[in-house]
N, C-alpha and C. Protein backbone atom coordinates (compact mmCIF):
# COMPACT_ATOMS: atom_id res chain seq x y z
N LYS A 1 15.78 26.05 3.20
CA LYS A 1 14.73 26.87 2.87
C LYS A 1 15.72 26.94 1.22
N ILE A 2 15.50 27.26 0.43
CA ILE A 2 16.23 27.37 -1.50
C ILE A 2 15.94 29.08 -1.34
N THR A 3 17.85 28.25 -1.88
CA THR A 3 18.09 30.34 -2.16
C THR A 3 17.74 31.16 -3.50
N LYS A 4 18.00 31.75 -4.03
CA LYS A 4 17.00 32.50 -5.50
C LYS A 4 18.44 31.66 -6.42
N GLU A 5 20.08 31.74 -5.43
CA GLU A 5 20.82 30.72 -6.23
C GLU A 5 20.83 29.65 -6.61
N ASP A 6 20.39 28.63 -5.95
CA ASP A 6 19.87 27.49 -6.19
C ASP A 6 19.16 26.92 -6.97
N ARG A 7 17.41 27.93 -6.95
CA ARG A 7 16.51 27.45 -7.65
C ARG A 7 17.47 28.13 -9.04
N GLU A 8 18.07 29.04 -9.60
CA GLU A 8 18.48 29.57 -10.32
C GLU A 8 19.26 27.39 -11.23
N THR A 9 20.12 27.51 -10.02
CA THR A 9 20.59 26.68 -10.39
C THR A 9 20.41 24.70 -10.22
N TYR A 10 19.64 24.29 -10.15
CA TYR A 10 19.11 22.98 -9.97
C TYR A 10 17.63 23.02 -10.59
N LYS A 11 17.40 24.20 -11.33
CA LYS A 11 15.92 24.67 -12.29
C LYS A 11 15.06 23.87 -13.16
N HIS A 12 16.86 22.97 -13.59
CA HIS A 12 16.84 21.60 -14.53
C HIS A 12 16.08 20.47 -13.86
N LEU A 13 15.58 20.52 -12.86
CA LEU A 13 15.43 19.09 -12.32
C LEU A 13 13.63 19.12 -11.83
N ASN A 14 13.49 18.12 -12.21
CA ASN A 14 11.76 17.76 -11.98
C ASN A 14 11.25 17.32 -10.85
N ILE A 15 10.72 17.35 -9.99
CA ILE A 15 10.40 16.25 -8.66
C ILE A 15 8.74 16.41 -8.07
N ALA A 16 8.65 15.10 -8.35
CA ALA A 16 7.79 13.80 -8.04
C ALA A 16 7.06 12.96 -7.13
N GLY A 17 5.91 14.02 -6.39
CA GLY A 17 5.54 13.82 -4.97
C GLY A 17 5.18 12.48 -5.35
N LEU A 18 5.26 10.47 -4.04
CA LEU A 18 4.66 9.27 -4.94
C LEU A 18 3.90 9.25 -2.76
N VAL A 19 2.76 9.15 -3.35
CA VAL A 19 2.41 8.73 -2.08
C VAL A 19 2.46 6.66 -2.06
N GLY A 20 2.53 6.78 -0.80
CA GLY A 20 2.63 5.28 -0.54
C GLY A 20 1.45 4.92 0.80
N SER A 21 1.39 4.24 0.48
CA SER A 21 -0.76 4.47 1.48
C SER A 21 -1.09 3.21 1.59
N ILE A 22 -1.20 1.95 1.91
CA ILE A 22 -1.82 0.87 2.51
C ILE A 22 -3.27 1.15 1.87
N ASP A 23 -3.66 2.02 2.49
CA ASP A 23 -5.15 2.08 2.41
C ASP A 23 -6.02 2.37 1.17
N ASN A 24 -5.01 2.82 0.43
CA ASN A 24 -4.94 3.50 -1.48
C ASN A 24 -6.29 4.59 -1.41
N ASP A 25 -6.13 5.52 -0.13
CA ASP A 25 -7.05 6.75 -0.05
C ASP A 25 -6.74 7.67 -0.68
N PHE A 26 -6.13 7.32 -1.94
CA PHE A 26 -5.57 9.04 -3.43
C PHE A 26 -6.30 8.87 -4.23
N CYS A 27 -6.83 10.54 -3.73
CA CYS A 27 -7.75 10.13 -5.01
C CYS A 27 -7.03 10.35 -6.09
N GLY A 28 -7.80 10.38 -7.36
CA GLY A 28 -7.20 10.55 -8.69
C GLY A 28 -5.94 9.26 -9.48
N THR A 29 -5.89 8.05 -8.30
CA THR A 29 -5.03 6.87 -8.90
C THR A 29 -6.13 5.78 -8.33
N ASP A 30 -5.56 4.75 -9.48
CA ASP A 30 -6.73 3.22 -9.16
C ASP A 30 -5.83 2.60 -8.28
N MET A 31 -4.84 2.82 -7.84
CA MET A 31 -3.82 1.81 -6.58
C MET A 31 -2.58 2.98 -5.91
N THR A 32 -2.27 3.02 -4.52
CA THR A 32 -1.31 3.43 -4.35
C THR A 32 -0.04 2.49 -4.36
N ILE A 33 0.98 3.92 -4.24
CA ILE A 33 1.96 2.78 -3.66
C ILE A 33 2.04 1.65 -2.21
N GLY A 34 1.71 0.71 -2.54
CA GLY A 34 1.90 -0.24 -1.05
C GLY A 34 0.69 -1.30 -1.37
N THR A 35 -0.87 -0.59 -1.86
CA THR A 35 -1.68 -1.40 -1.79
C THR A 35 -1.26 -2.84 -2.31
N ASP A 36 -0.90 -3.46 -3.25
CA ASP A 36 -0.82 -4.34 -3.85
C ASP A 36 0.08 -5.13 -3.68
N THR A 37 0.96 -4.15 -2.90
CA THR A 37 1.71 -5.44 -1.94
C THR A 37 1.12 -5.54 -0.51
N ALA A 38 0.32 -5.14 -0.14
CA ALA A 38 -0.37 -5.14 1.27
C ALA A 38 -1.50 -6.02 1.05
N LEU A 39 -2.20 -6.48 -0.63
CA LEU A 39 -3.12 -7.21 -0.34
C LEU A 39 -2.90 -8.69 -0.95
N HIS A 40 -1.68 -8.44 -1.92
CA HIS A 40 -1.29 -9.52 -2.41
C HIS A 40 -0.90 -10.22 -1.20
N ARG A 41 -0.01 -9.65 -0.42
CA ARG A 41 0.45 -10.36 1.59
C ARG A 41 -0.74 -10.83 2.24
N ILE A 42 -2.28 -9.81 2.32
CA ILE A 42 -3.10 -10.74 2.64
C ILE A 42 -4.02 -12.07 2.27
N ILE A 43 -4.04 -11.91 0.62
CA ILE A 43 -4.58 -12.97 0.39
C ILE A 43 -3.48 -14.49 0.16
N GLU A 44 -1.39 -13.85 0.18
CA GLU A 44 -1.28 -15.01 1.03
C GLU A 44 -1.08 -16.14 1.68
N ALA A 45 -1.54 -15.49 3.18
CA ALA A 45 -2.41 -15.48 4.15
C ALA A 45 -3.19 -15.88 4.43
N VAL A 46 -4.58 -15.85 3.72
CA VAL A 46 -5.63 -16.06 4.14
C VAL A 46 -5.43 -17.57 3.15
N ASP A 47 -4.73 -17.73 2.16
CA ASP A 47 -4.57 -19.21 1.76
C ASP A 47 -3.69 -19.75 2.84
N ALA A 48 -3.24 -19.95 3.52
CA ALA A 48 -2.04 -20.63 4.13
C ALA A 48 -3.10 -20.88 5.15
N ILE A 49 -3.98 -20.15 6.00
CA ILE A 49 -4.42 -20.38 6.60
C ILE A 49 -6.01 -20.95 6.85
N ALA A 50 -6.17 -21.08 5.44
CA ALA A 50 -7.69 -21.81 5.18
C ALA A 50 -7.54 -23.63 5.46
N THR A 51 -6.00 -23.47 4.84
CA THR A 51 -5.35 -24.81 5.11
C THR A 51 -5.61 -25.22 6.75
N THR A 52 -5.17 -24.18 6.71
CA THR A 52 -5.32 -25.01 8.84
C THR A 52 -6.53 -24.87 9.13
N ALA A 53 -6.97 -23.99 8.72
CA ALA A 53 -8.39 -23.80 9.21
C ALA A 53 -9.03 -25.13 8.93
N LEU A 54 -8.93 -25.50 7.67
CA LEU A 54 -10.11 -26.81 6.99
C LEU A 54 -9.62 -27.63 7.44
N SER A 55 -7.78 -28.28 7.48
CA SER A 55 -7.78 -29.57 8.57
C SER A 55 -7.89 -29.82 9.59
N HIS A 56 -8.62 -28.63 10.72
CA HIS A 56 -8.80 -28.63 12.28
C HIS A 56 -10.74 -28.76 12.43
N GLN A 57 -10.78 -27.86 11.19
CA GLN A 57 -12.56 -27.76 11.52
C GLN A 57 -12.79 -26.94 12.10
N ARG A 58 -12.20 -25.52 12.25
CA ARG A 58 -12.49 -24.62 12.84
C ARG A 58 -12.53 -23.70 11.39
N ALA A 59 -13.20 -21.79 12.39
CA ALA A 59 -13.36 -20.99 11.50
C ALA A 59 -12.29 -19.88 11.90
N PHE A 60 -11.41 -19.43 11.22
CA PHE A 60 -10.71 -18.67 12.04
C PHE A 60 -11.38 -16.84 11.36
N VAL A 61 -10.86 -16.28 11.99
CA VAL A 61 -11.35 -14.69 12.10
C VAL A 61 -9.97 -14.05 12.06
N LEU A 62 -9.65 -13.44 10.51
CA LEU A 62 -8.27 -12.29 10.68
C LEU A 62 -9.24 -10.82 10.12
N GLU A 63 -7.82 -9.84 10.74
CA GLU A 63 -8.04 -8.64 10.55
C GLU A 63 -6.96 -8.22 9.72
N VAL A 64 -7.33 -7.25 9.21
CA VAL A 64 -6.56 -6.42 7.61
C VAL A 64 -6.42 -5.39 8.17
N MET A 65 -5.02 -4.48 8.07
CA MET A 65 -5.17 -3.36 8.52
C MET A 65 -5.51 -2.76 6.50
N GLY A 66 -6.11 -1.29 5.98
CA GLY A 66 -5.94 -0.95 4.93
C GLY A 66 -6.91 -1.06 5.10
N ARG A 67 -8.06 0.17 6.37
CA ARG A 67 -9.49 0.33 5.81
C ARG A 67 -9.58 0.35 5.17
N HIS A 68 -10.41 0.61 4.06
CA HIS A 68 -11.85 0.35 2.77
C HIS A 68 -11.36 -0.13 1.41
N CYS A 69 -9.75 0.05 1.99
CA CYS A 69 -9.31 -1.17 0.04
C CYS A 69 -9.71 -3.07 0.36
N GLY A 70 -9.07 -2.81 -0.66
CA GLY A 70 -9.87 -4.26 -1.11
C GLY A 70 -11.11 -5.06 -0.63
């Protein structure tokens, strides 16, 4: 709990909260923190697995996290 004295002492501080989500489900932003990293890692994995799938003449199924993202 913040007392009145603490509030007066630290009233010059500005606090901002940032959403970190790979789901990109926070309204009012283009992209949340974590979304870009998640998408980048997915692209790297798909590139690596695609080469293996082609060389073995197989189809691979990938499941990734991030509900509606991408």
